[in-house]
Amino acid sequence: MDGKLRGAAANAGKVAAVFEGGSFRCQFTAGVVDVLLENGIDADACYGVSAGALSGLNYKSRQIGRPNRVNLAFCNDPRYMGAKSLATSGSIVGYDFLLNDVQDRIDPFDNEAFGANPMRLFAAATDIVFGTAAYLEVENAVLDIERLRATTSLPLVTPPVEIDGHRYLDGGIADSVPIEHVLEEAGYGRALVVLTQDRGYTKGPYEFMGVARARYAEYPYLLEALESRHARYNAQREHIWEYEQQGRALVLAPDHPVEVAHVEHDTEKLLRLYIEGRRAALSRLDQIREFVEG
C-alpha cells in the first residue's frame, strides 16, 4: 500500500472541516467557527480555500472572535486591503500589514495554541503551470506563512507565490470547495462544509478573461482553469448536495444572497454576516455536534 492509500485509510471515520473562500464573505465562516470553538467542537482536519484558510488558521489557534475583530477594525484601513495596497505593493492584500503589524502586534496570533492543537490544516492553492489544485499543509503558522499567502493570492491583483519551485495563486481557481478531495482522495469519513454563498447561488463566467489572457499568456493551463471555473464550481455544488443527501456532508450556508462585496467597507454588513454565521451554527448545534462526534 503506497503512502497516499495509507493516509486515506488512516483518515477513515474522521471528520474534516471544509471552508470556502470569498474574502470578506468569510465573515459568515467566522461566525460559524466561533460557535464551534465556544462549544468545544473540533474537527480532525481543516481544508481552507483563500480566506477560508485564514478562518481555519484561527479555528486551529482557538482564538474566538479574532477574524471578526480584525475585519471590522481594518476593513476601511488602506493598509489592509484595497486599491492603495495594490498601487503601492502590487497586491490588493496588504500582507506586510496583515502578517506583521496585525498578526504580531495589534491582535497577536497565538502560535503556541496553534501548535498544540492536533487538528491538521491544509490551504488549497492553484499551481499556475498545471492549473491544478495543491493542498499545502500549514504545520507552523510562522514558517509556513507563504502557504497562506499562496491560497489567498487572487489572480491579476496579487503576485503568484513561489514555494519549492512551484508558483501558486488562489486555491479557488482550481478547487473552490475541496469536498471531493477530502472525501474521495484524502479518505475522510465526513465533511463539515461552510459555504459563503447561499444555496441558490450560481457562478457566472470569469469577467476578466481578456486581461487574464494578456497577463498569463505563458500559462495556458491556468487560463483554462480560469475560463472553466464557473462550470466546475456549479457542478461541484451539485456534488456537495449529493454528499449531504448521503449523510457524508453537513453543509452550512447563508440563508439569503450575500450582499458583502469581495472588498467591503461597510462594517454593518460585515457584522450582520458574522451574526448570520453564528445563527446558522447555533440553530443546528446539536446536529453539528452529533455529526462531528460520530
C-alpha atoms as a PDB file:
ATOM      1  CA  MET A   1       0.000   0.000   0.000  1.00  0.00           C
ATOM      2  CA  ASP A   2       1.520   3.343  -1.028  1.00  0.00           C
ATOM      3  CA  GLY A   3       1.694   6.431   1.185  1.00  0.00           C
ATOM      4  CA  LYS A   4      -1.382   8.050  -0.325  1.00  0.00           C
ATOM      5  CA  LEU A   5      -3.535   4.989   0.286  1.00  0.00           C
ATOM      6  CA  ARG A   6      -2.176   4.589   3.814  1.00  0.00           C
ATOM      7  CA  GLY A   7      -3.055   8.220   4.515  1.00  0.00           C
ATOM      8  CA  ALA A   8      -6.579   7.773   3.187  1.00  0.00           C
ATOM      9  CA  ALA A   9      -7.056   4.627   5.271  1.00  0.00           C
ATOM     10  CA  ALA A  10      -5.839   6.447   8.377  1.00  0.00           C
ATOM     11  CA  ASN A  11      -8.455   9.163   7.836  1.00  0.00           C
ATOM     12  CA  ALA A  12     -11.415   6.774   7.551  1.00  0.00           C
ATOM     13  CA  GLY A  13     -14.038   7.693  10.109  1.00  0.00           C
ATOM     14  CA  LYS A  14     -12.511  11.104  10.782  1.00  0.00           C
ATOM     15  CA  VAL A  15     -14.129  14.475  10.114  1.00  0.00           C
ATOM     16  CA  ALA A  16     -12.650  17.356   8.109  1.00  0.00           C
ATOM     17  CA  ALA A  17     -13.969  20.899   8.059  1.00  0.00           C
ATOM     18  CA  VAL A  18     -14.045  22.445   4.582  1.00  0.00           C
ATOM     19  CA  PHE A  19     -14.153  26.249   4.374  1.00  0.00           C
ATOM     20  CA  GLU A  20     -14.955  28.019   1.113  1.00  0.00           C
ATOM     21  CA  GLY A  21     -13.169  31.304   0.415  1.00  0.00           C
ATOM     22  CA  GLY A  22     -14.673  34.619  -0.576  1.00  0.00           C
ATOM     23  CA  SER A  23     -12.628  37.366   1.103  1.00  0.00           C
ATOM     24  CA  PHE A  24     -14.946  39.327   3.404  1.00  0.00           C
ATOM     25  CA  ARG A  25     -17.769  36.842   2.795  1.00  0.00           C
ATOM     26  CA  CYS A  26     -15.848  34.654   5.238  1.00  0.00           C
ATOM     27  CA  GLN A  27     -17.432  36.735   7.973  1.00  0.00           C
ATOM     28  CA  PHE A  28     -20.120  34.046   7.757  1.00  0.00           C
ATOM     29  CA  THR A  29     -17.450  31.398   8.389  1.00  0.00           C
ATOM     30  CA  ALA A  30     -16.047  33.462  11.268  1.00  0.00           C
ATOM     31  CA  GLY A  31     -19.449  33.314  12.975  1.00  0.00           C
ATOM     32  CA  VAL A  32     -19.704  29.547  12.461  1.00  0.00           C
ATOM     33  CA  VAL A  33     -16.166  28.940  13.745  1.00  0.00           C
ATOM     34  CA  ASP A  34     -16.732  30.994  16.882  1.00  0.00           C
ATOM     35  CA  VAL A  35     -19.778  28.869  17.755  1.00  0.00           C
ATOM     36  CA  LEU A  36     -17.762  25.686  17.164  1.00  0.00           C
ATOM     37  CA  LEU A  37     -14.992  26.958  19.445  1.00  0.00           C
ATOM     38  CA  GLU A  38     -17.374  28.138  22.141  1.00  0.00           C
ATOM     39  CA  ASN A  39     -18.905  24.680  22.236  1.00  0.00           C
ATOM     40  CA  GLY A  40     -15.684  22.644  22.037  1.00  0.00           C
ATOM     41  CA  ILE A  41     -16.440  21.135  18.621  1.00  0.00           C
ATOM     42  CA  ASP A  42     -13.178  20.136  16.943  1.00  0.00           C
ATOM     43  CA  ALA A  43     -12.597  18.602  13.531  1.00  0.00           C
ATOM     44  CA  ASP A  44      -9.695  16.247  12.824  1.00  0.00           C
ATOM     45  CA  ALA A  45      -8.573  18.408   9.900  1.00  0.00           C
ATOM     46  CA  CYS A  46      -9.496  21.611   8.151  1.00  0.00           C
ATOM     47  CA  TYR A  47      -9.181  22.389   4.443  1.00  0.00           C
ATOM     48  CA  GLY A  48      -9.464  26.096   3.717  1.00  0.00           C
ATOM     49  CA  VAL A  49      -9.531  27.921   0.398  1.00  0.00           C
ATOM     50  CA  SER A  50      -8.262  31.503   0.164  1.00  0.00           C
ATOM     51  CA  ALA A  51      -9.775  33.478   3.067  1.00  0.00           C
ATOM     52  CA  GLY A  52     -11.289  30.177   4.231  1.00  0.00           C
ATOM     53  CA  ALA A  53      -7.762  29.050   5.081  1.00  0.00           C
ATOM     54  CA  LEU A  54      -7.414  32.107   7.332  1.00  0.00           C
ATOM     55  CA  SER A  55     -10.641  31.020   9.041  1.00  0.00           C
ATOM     56  CA  GLY A  56      -9.031  27.608   9.507  1.00  0.00           C
ATOM     57  CA  LEU A  57      -5.936  29.257  10.946  1.00  0.00           C
ATOM     58  CA  ASN A  58      -7.973  30.812  13.743  1.00  0.00           C
ATOM     59  CA  TYR A  59     -10.013  27.638  14.202  1.00  0.00           C
ATOM     60  CA  LYS A  60      -6.765  25.804  14.919  1.00  0.00           C
ATOM     61  CA  SER A  61      -5.431  28.549  17.220  1.00  0.00           C
ATOM     62  CA  ARG A  62      -8.805  28.615  19.056  1.00  0.00           C
ATOM     63  CA  GLN A  63      -8.969  32.417  19.096  1.00  0.00           C
ATOM     64  CA  ILE A  64     -12.645  33.193  19.472  1.00  0.00           C
ATOM     65  CA  GLY A  65     -13.694  36.439  17.789  1.00  0.00           C
ATOM     66  CA  ARG A  66     -10.343  37.296  16.232  1.00  0.00           C
ATOM     67  CA  PRO A  67     -11.252  37.277  12.500  1.00  0.00           C
ATOM     68  CA  ASN A  68     -14.381  39.325  13.182  1.00  0.00           C
ATOM     69  CA  ARG A  69     -12.408  41.848  15.244  1.00  0.00           C
ATOM     70  CA  VAL A  70      -9.738  42.227  12.591  1.00  0.00           C
ATOM     71  CA  ASN A  71     -12.170  42.616   9.696  1.00  0.00           C
ATOM     72  CA  LEU A  72     -14.329  45.169  11.494  1.00  0.00           C
ATOM     73  CA  ALA A  73     -11.327  47.133  12.724  1.00  0.00           C
ATOM     74  CA  PHE A  74      -9.438  47.313   9.429  1.00  0.00           C
ATOM     75  CA  CYS A  75     -11.945  46.985   6.559  1.00  0.00           C
ATOM     76  CA  ASN A  76     -11.532  50.730   5.946  1.00  0.00           C
ATOM     77  CA  ASP A  77      -7.776  50.794   6.510  1.00  0.00           C
ATOM     78  CA  PRO A  78      -5.959  51.158   3.146  1.00  0.00           C
ATOM     79  CA  ARG A  79      -3.074  49.114   4.546  1.00  0.00           C
ATOM     80  CA  TYR A  80      -5.335  46.053   4.951  1.00  0.00           C
ATOM     81  CA  MET A  81      -6.943  45.522   1.551  1.00  0.00           C
ATOM     82  CA  GLY A  82      -7.844  47.628  -1.431  1.00  0.00           C
ATOM     83  CA  ALA A  83      -6.675  49.858  -4.261  1.00  0.00           C
ATOM     84  CA  LYS A  84      -3.990  51.686  -2.266  1.00  0.00           C
ATOM     85  CA  SER A  85      -2.293  48.433  -1.287  1.00  0.00           C
ATOM     86  CA  LEU A  86      -2.467  47.311  -4.924  1.00  0.00           C
ATOM     87  CA  ALA A  87      -0.915  50.555  -6.137  1.00  0.00           C
ATOM     88  CA  THR A  88       1.895  50.590  -3.589  1.00  0.00           C
ATOM     89  CA  SER A  89       2.760  46.890  -3.286  1.00  0.00           C
ATOM     90  CA  GLY A  90       1.324  45.211  -6.388  1.00  0.00           C
ATOM     91  CA  SER A  91      -1.061  43.213  -4.192  1.00  0.00           C
ATOM     92  CA  ILE A  92      -4.631  44.059  -3.268  1.00  0.00           C
ATOM     93  CA  VAL A  93      -3.987  42.313   0.076  1.00  0.00           C
ATOM     94  CA  GLY A  94      -1.680  44.228   2.421  1.00  0.00           C
ATOM     95  CA  TYR A  95       0.318  41.192   3.506  1.00  0.00           C
ATOM     96  CA  ASP A  96       3.023  43.146   5.336  1.00  0.00           C
ATOM     97  CA  PHE A  97       0.397  44.888   7.441  1.00  0.00           C
ATOM     98  CA  LEU A  98      -1.728  41.771   7.963  1.00  0.00           C
ATOM     99  CA  LEU A  99       1.059  39.299   8.683  1.00  0.00           C
ATOM    100  CA  ASN A 100       3.365  41.607  10.590  1.00  0.00           C
ATOM    101  CA  ASP A 101       1.575  44.529  12.258  1.00  0.00           C
ATOM    102  CA  VAL A 102      -1.746  42.783  12.935  1.00  0.00           C
ATOM    103  CA  GLN A 103      -0.505  39.222  13.401  1.00  0.00           C
ATOM    104  CA  ASP A 104       2.411  40.097  15.675  1.00  0.00           C
ATOM    105  CA  ARG A 105       1.430  43.279  17.480  1.00  0.00           C
ATOM    106  CA  ILE A 106      -2.083  44.685  17.142  1.00  0.00           C
ATOM    107  CA  ASP A 107      -4.118  41.482  17.597  1.00  0.00           C
ATOM    108  CA  PRO A 108      -1.444  38.824  18.217  1.00  0.00           C
ATOM    109  CA  PHE A 109      -1.859  35.349  16.815  1.00  0.00           C
ATOM    110  CA  ASP A 110      -1.493  32.548  19.373  1.00  0.00           C
ATOM    111  CA  ASN A 111       1.279  30.441  17.847  1.00  0.00           C
ATOM    112  CA  GLU A 112       1.524  28.276  20.958  1.00  0.00           C
ATOM    113  CA  ALA A 113      -2.160  27.287  20.862  1.00  0.00           C
ATOM    114  CA  PHE A 114      -1.908  26.686  17.122  1.00  0.00           C
ATOM    115  CA  GLY A 115       0.998  24.284  17.618  1.00  0.00           C
ATOM    116  CA  ALA A 116      -0.699  22.464  20.494  1.00  0.00           C
ATOM    117  CA  ASN A 117      -3.900  21.730  18.542  1.00  0.00           C
ATOM    118  CA  PRO A 118      -3.600  18.337  16.785  1.00  0.00           C
ATOM    119  CA  MET A 119      -6.053  19.356  14.050  1.00  0.00           C
ATOM    120  CA  ARG A 120      -4.296  19.355  10.656  1.00  0.00           C
ATOM    121  CA  LEU A 121      -4.703  22.449   8.492  1.00  0.00           C
ATOM    122  CA  PHE A 122      -4.427  22.498   4.699  1.00  0.00           C
ATOM    123  CA  ALA A 123      -4.513  25.523   2.413  1.00  0.00           C
ATOM    124  CA  ALA A 124      -5.722  24.856  -1.121  1.00  0.00           C
ATOM    125  CA  ALA A 125      -3.721  26.667  -3.818  1.00  0.00           C
ATOM    126  CA  THR A 126      -3.596  26.590  -7.624  1.00  0.00           C
ATOM    127  CA  ASP A 127      -0.370  25.591  -9.400  1.00  0.00           C
ATOM    128  CA  ILE A 128      -0.293  28.106 -12.253  1.00  0.00           C
ATOM    129  CA  VAL A 129       1.884  25.925 -14.516  1.00  0.00           C
ATOM    130  CA  PHE A 130      -0.533  22.977 -14.461  1.00  0.00           C
ATOM    131  CA  GLY A 131      -3.769  24.722 -13.480  1.00  0.00           C
ATOM    132  CA  THR A 132      -4.332  22.079 -10.809  1.00  0.00           C
ATOM    133  CA  ALA A 133      -5.016  22.189  -7.086  1.00  0.00           C
ATOM    134  CA  ALA A 134      -2.387  21.631  -4.411  1.00  0.00           C
ATOM    135  CA  TYR A 135      -3.278  21.095  -0.762  1.00  0.00           C
ATOM    136  CA  LEU A 136      -0.459  22.636   1.259  1.00  0.00           C
ATOM    137  CA  GLU A 137      -0.265  21.649   4.909  1.00  0.00           C
ATOM    138  CA  VAL A 138       0.241  24.510   7.348  1.00  0.00           C
ATOM    139  CA  GLU A 139       2.079  22.952  10.250  1.00  0.00           C
ATOM    140  CA  ASN A 140       3.672  26.116  11.604  1.00  0.00           C
ATOM    141  CA  ALA A 141       1.891  29.458  11.369  1.00  0.00           C
ATOM    142  CA  VAL A 142       5.205  31.308  11.065  1.00  0.00           C
ATOM    143  CA  LEU A 143       7.350  29.011   8.936  1.00  0.00           C
ATOM    144  CA  ASP A 144       4.501  28.118   6.569  1.00  0.00           C
ATOM    145  CA  ILE A 145       3.199  31.656   6.099  1.00  0.00           C
ATOM    146  CA  GLU A 146       3.934  31.538   2.351  1.00  0.00           C
ATOM    147  CA  ARG A 147       1.412  28.716   2.041  1.00  0.00           C
ATOM    148  CA  LEU A 148      -1.251  31.022   3.426  1.00  0.00           C
ATOM    149  CA  ARG A 149      -0.147  33.756   1.050  1.00  0.00           C
ATOM    150  CA  ALA A 150      -0.401  31.294  -1.831  1.00  0.00           C
ATOM    151  CA  THR A 151      -4.001  30.306  -1.139  1.00  0.00           C
ATOM    152  CA  THR A 152      -5.074  33.966  -0.854  1.00  0.00           C
ATOM    153  CA  SER A 153      -3.197  35.306  -3.892  1.00  0.00           C
ATOM    154  CA  LEU A 154      -6.010  36.452  -6.159  1.00  0.00           C
ATOM    155  CA  PRO A 155      -5.354  36.411  -9.911  1.00  0.00           C
ATOM    156  CA  LEU A 156      -4.472  39.740 -11.568  1.00  0.00           C
ATOM    157  CA  VAL A 157      -4.343  41.699  -8.293  1.00  0.00           C
ATOM    158  CA  THR A 158      -1.804  39.622  -6.322  1.00  0.00           C
ATOM    159  CA  PRO A 159       1.545  38.216  -7.485  1.00  0.00           C
ATOM    160  CA  PRO A 160       1.985  34.419  -7.582  1.00  0.00           C
ATOM    161  CA  VAL A 161       3.803  32.880  -4.618  1.00  0.00           C
ATOM    162  CA  GLU A 162       6.728  30.544  -5.248  1.00  0.00           C
ATOM    163  CA  ILE A 163       7.158  27.550  -2.934  1.00  0.00           C
ATOM    164  CA  ASP A 164       9.608  24.712  -3.592  1.00  0.00           C
ATOM    165  CA  GLY A 165       9.856  25.566  -7.264  1.00  0.00           C
ATOM    166  CA  HIS A 166       6.099  25.810  -7.822  1.00  0.00           C
ATOM    167  CA  ARG A 167       4.186  29.041  -8.431  1.00  0.00           C
ATOM    168  CA  TYR A 168       0.778  29.351  -6.859  1.00  0.00           C
ATOM    169  CA  LEU A 169      -2.302  31.559  -6.955  1.00  0.00           C
ATOM    170  CA  ASP A 170      -5.631  31.472  -5.113  1.00  0.00           C
ATOM    171  CA  GLY A 171      -6.909  27.961  -4.454  1.00  0.00           C
ATOM    172  CA  GLY A 172     -10.415  28.793  -5.600  1.00  0.00           C
ATOM    173  CA  ILE A 173      -9.311  28.790  -9.235  1.00  0.00           C
ATOM    174  CA  ALA A 174      -8.702  25.029  -9.232  1.00  0.00           C
ATOM    175  CA  ASP A 175     -10.822  23.793  -6.303  1.00  0.00           C
ATOM    176  CA  SER A 176     -13.256  26.202  -4.654  1.00  0.00           C
ATOM    177  CA  VAL A 177     -14.688  23.746  -2.110  1.00  0.00           C
ATOM    178  CA  PRO A 178     -12.385  20.697  -1.894  1.00  0.00           C
ATOM    179  CA  ILE A 179     -15.002  18.239  -0.706  1.00  0.00           C
ATOM    180  CA  GLU A 180     -14.195  15.652  -3.385  1.00  0.00           C
ATOM    181  CA  HIS A 181     -10.531  15.721  -2.399  1.00  0.00           C
ATOM    182  CA  VAL A 182     -11.391  15.413   1.295  1.00  0.00           C
ATOM    183  CA  LEU A 183     -13.851  12.528   0.973  1.00  0.00           C
ATOM    184  CA  GLU A 184     -12.549  10.615  -2.055  1.00  0.00           C
ATOM    185  CA  GLU A 185      -8.775  11.215  -2.115  1.00  0.00           C
ATOM    186  CA  ALA A 186      -7.804  12.059   1.465  1.00  0.00           C
ATOM    187  CA  GLY A 187     -10.309   9.481   2.686  1.00  0.00           C
ATOM    188  CA  TYR A 188     -12.072  11.380   5.473  1.00  0.00           C
ATOM    189  CA  GLY A 189     -15.360   9.832   6.512  1.00  0.00           C
ATOM    190  CA  ARG A 190     -17.378  13.039   6.821  1.00  0.00           C
ATOM    191  CA  ALA A 191     -17.047  16.724   5.912  1.00  0.00           C
ATOM    192  CA  LEU A 192     -18.420  19.741   7.761  1.00  0.00           C
ATOM    193  CA  VAL A 193     -18.748  22.238   4.904  1.00  0.00           C
ATOM    194  CA  VAL A 194     -19.116  26.002   5.337  1.00  0.00           C
ATOM    195  CA  LEU A 195     -20.096  27.857   2.170  1.00  0.00           C
ATOM    196  CA  THR A 196     -20.040  31.635   1.763  1.00  0.00           C
ATOM    197  CA  GLN A 197     -22.736  31.831  -0.907  1.00  0.00           C
ATOM    198  CA  ASP A 198     -26.378  30.882  -0.415  1.00  0.00           C
ATOM    199  CA  ARG A 199     -27.693  27.560  -1.656  1.00  0.00           C
ATOM    200  CA  GLY A 200     -29.329  29.100  -4.716  1.00  0.00           C
ATOM    201  CA  TYR A 201     -26.182  30.830  -5.932  1.00  0.00           C
ATOM    202  CA  THR A 202     -24.883  30.145  -9.440  1.00  0.00           C
ATOM    203  CA  LYS A 203     -21.440  31.390 -10.513  1.00  0.00           C
ATOM    204  CA  GLY A 204     -21.078  33.166 -13.832  1.00  0.00           C
ATOM    205  CA  PRO A 205     -18.062  33.225 -16.182  1.00  0.00           C
ATOM    206  CA  TYR A 206     -14.873  34.974 -15.068  1.00  0.00           C
ATOM    207  CA  GLU A 207     -15.263  38.638 -16.000  1.00  0.00           C
ATOM    208  CA  PHE A 208     -11.632  39.430 -16.680  1.00  0.00           C
ATOM    209  CA  MET A 209     -10.592  36.712 -19.129  1.00  0.00           C
ATOM    210  CA  GLY A 210      -9.322  39.279 -21.641  1.00  0.00           C
ATOM    211  CA  VAL A 211      -6.937  40.795 -19.112  1.00  0.00           C
ATOM    212  CA  ALA A 212      -6.002  37.331 -17.819  1.00  0.00           C
ATOM    213  CA  ARG A 213      -5.072  36.122 -21.306  1.00  0.00           C
ATOM    214  CA  ALA A 214      -2.671  39.035 -21.651  1.00  0.00           C
ATOM    215  CA  ARG A 215      -1.210  38.672 -18.151  1.00  0.00           C
ATOM    216  CA  TYR A 216      -0.883  34.875 -18.070  1.00  0.00           C
ATOM    217  CA  ALA A 217      -0.242  34.085 -21.744  1.00  0.00           C
ATOM    218  CA  GLU A 218       2.611  31.751 -20.794  1.00  0.00           C
ATOM    219  CA  TYR A 219       0.324  29.691 -18.519  1.00  0.00           C
ATOM    220  CA  PRO A 220      -2.304  28.091 -20.808  1.00  0.00           C
ATOM    221  CA  TYR A 221      -3.486  25.615 -18.179  1.00  0.00           C
ATOM    222  CA  LEU A 222      -4.115  28.417 -15.704  1.00  0.00           C
ATOM    223  CA  LEU A 223      -6.140  30.247 -18.347  1.00  0.00           C
ATOM    224  CA  GLU A 224      -8.138  27.098 -18.980  1.00  0.00           C
ATOM    225  CA  ALA A 225      -8.816  26.769 -15.248  1.00  0.00           C
ATOM    226  CA  LEU A 226      -9.958  30.398 -15.019  1.00  0.00           C
ATOM    227  CA  GLU A 227     -12.232  30.040 -18.040  1.00  0.00           C
ATOM    228  CA  SER A 228     -13.848  26.822 -16.807  1.00  0.00           C
ATOM    229  CA  ARG A 229     -14.036  27.735 -13.142  1.00  0.00           C
ATOM    230  CA  HIS A 230     -17.701  28.739 -13.108  1.00  0.00           C
ATOM    231  CA  ALA A 231     -18.828  25.478 -14.733  1.00  0.00           C
ATOM    232  CA  ARG A 232     -16.691  23.379 -12.393  1.00  0.00           C
ATOM    233  CA  TYR A 233     -17.859  25.363  -9.367  1.00  0.00           C
ATOM    234  CA  ASN A 234     -21.542  24.953 -10.217  1.00  0.00           C
ATOM    235  CA  ALA A 235     -21.051  21.217 -10.801  1.00  0.00           C
ATOM    236  CA  GLN A 236     -19.159  20.955  -7.513  1.00  0.00           C
ATOM    237  CA  ARG A 237     -22.064  22.446  -5.612  1.00  0.00           C
ATOM    238  CA  GLU A 238     -24.286  19.707  -7.041  1.00  0.00           C
ATOM    239  CA  HIS A 239     -21.778  17.181  -5.688  1.00  0.00           C
ATOM    240  CA  ILE A 240     -21.976  18.862  -2.290  1.00  0.00           C
ATOM    241  CA  TRP A 241     -25.770  18.420  -2.167  1.00  0.00           C
ATOM    242  CA  GLU A 242     -25.323  14.761  -3.158  1.00  0.00           C
ATOM    243  CA  TYR A 243     -22.842  14.191  -0.316  1.00  0.00           C
ATOM    244  CA  GLU A 244     -25.273  15.937   2.000  1.00  0.00           C
ATOM    245  CA  GLN A 245     -28.083  13.597   0.948  1.00  0.00           C
ATOM    246  CA  GLN A 246     -25.784  10.628   1.589  1.00  0.00           C
ATOM    247  CA  GLY A 247     -25.042  11.861   5.106  1.00  0.00           C
ATOM    248  CA  ARG A 248     -21.348  12.317   4.304  1.00  0.00           C
ATOM    249  CA  ALA A 249     -21.512  16.118   4.486  1.00  0.00           C
ATOM    250  CA  LEU A 250     -23.177  18.605   6.796  1.00  0.00           C
ATOM    251  CA  VAL A 251     -23.470  21.939   4.991  1.00  0.00           C
ATOM    252  CA  LEU A 252     -23.865  25.407   6.462  1.00  0.00           C
ATOM    253  CA  ALA A 253     -24.584  28.280   4.073  1.00  0.00           C
ATOM    254  CA  PRO A 254     -26.131  31.756   4.254  1.00  0.00           C
ATOM    255  CA  ASP A 255     -29.931  31.752   4.015  1.00  0.00           C
ATOM    256  CA  HIS A 256     -30.053  34.653   1.560  1.00  0.00           C
ATOM    257  CA  PRO A 257     -27.843  36.034  -1.226  1.00  0.00           C
ATOM    258  CA  VAL A 258     -24.780  37.609   0.372  1.00  0.00           C
ATOM    259  CA  GLU A 259     -24.551  41.383  -0.094  1.00  0.00           C
ATOM    260  CA  VAL A 260     -20.988  41.698   1.221  1.00  0.00           C
ATOM    261  CA  ALA A 261     -18.557  42.586  -1.567  1.00  0.00           C
ATOM    262  CA  HIS A 262     -15.177  40.978  -2.175  1.00  0.00           C
ATOM    263  CA  VAL A 263     -13.620  44.165  -0.767  1.00  0.00           C
ATOM    264  CA  GLU A 264     -16.162  45.513   1.712  1.00  0.00           C
ATOM    265  CA  HIS A 265     -16.007  48.751   3.706  1.00  0.00           C
ATOM    266  CA  ASP A 266     -19.442  48.659   5.355  1.00  0.00           C
ATOM    267  CA  THR A 267     -18.943  47.432   8.920  1.00  0.00           C
ATOM    268  CA  GLU A 268     -22.690  46.936   9.450  1.00  0.00           C
ATOM    269  CA  LYS A 269     -22.859  44.493   6.525  1.00  0.00           C
ATOM    270  CA  LEU A 270     -19.833  42.642   7.853  1.00  0.00           C
ATOM    271  CA  LEU A 271     -21.258  42.381  11.360  1.00  0.00           C
ATOM    272  CA  ARG A 272     -24.635  41.178  10.054  1.00  0.00           C
ATOM    273  CA  LEU A 273     -22.966  38.419   8.051  1.00  0.00           C
ATOM    274  CA  TYR A 274     -20.929  37.343  11.086  1.00  0.00           C
ATOM    275  CA  ILE A 275     -24.127  37.181  13.157  1.00  0.00           C
ATOM    276  CA  GLU A 276     -25.814  35.190  10.381  1.00  0.00           C
ATOM    277  CA  GLY A 277     -22.983  32.648  10.583  1.00  0.00           C
ATOM    278  CA  ARG A 278     -23.431  32.384  14.338  1.00  0.00           C
ATOM    279  CA  ARG A 279     -27.171  31.900  13.988  1.00  0.00           C
ATOM    280  CA  ALA A 280     -26.742  29.228  11.319  1.00  0.00           C
ATOM    281  CA  ALA A 281     -24.393  27.244  13.556  1.00  0.00           C
ATOM    282  CA  LEU A 282     -26.415  27.729  16.746  1.00  0.00           C
ATOM    283  CA  SER A 283     -29.642  26.639  15.044  1.00  0.00           C
ATOM    284  CA  ARG A 284     -28.028  23.294  14.144  1.00  0.00           C
ATOM    285  CA  LEU A 285     -25.654  22.962  17.070  1.00  0.00           C
ATOM    286  CA  ASP A 286     -26.864  19.561  18.272  1.00  0.00           C
ATOM    287  CA  GLN A 287     -26.822  18.214  14.726  1.00  0.00           C
ATOM    288  CA  ILE A 288     -23.302  19.542  14.178  1.00  0.00           C
ATOM    289  CA  ARG A 289     -22.049  18.007  17.419  1.00  0.00           C
ATOM    290  CA  GLU A 290     -23.567  14.628  16.603  1.00  0.00           C
ATOM    291  CA  PHE A 291     -22.171  14.735  13.051  1.00  0.00           C
ATOM    292  CA  VAL A 292     -18.641  15.655  14.127  1.00  0.00           C
ATOM    293  CA  GLU A 293     -18.502  13.307  17.089  1.00  0.00           C
ATOM    294  CA  GLY A 294     -19.945  10.435  15.034  1.00  0.00           C
END
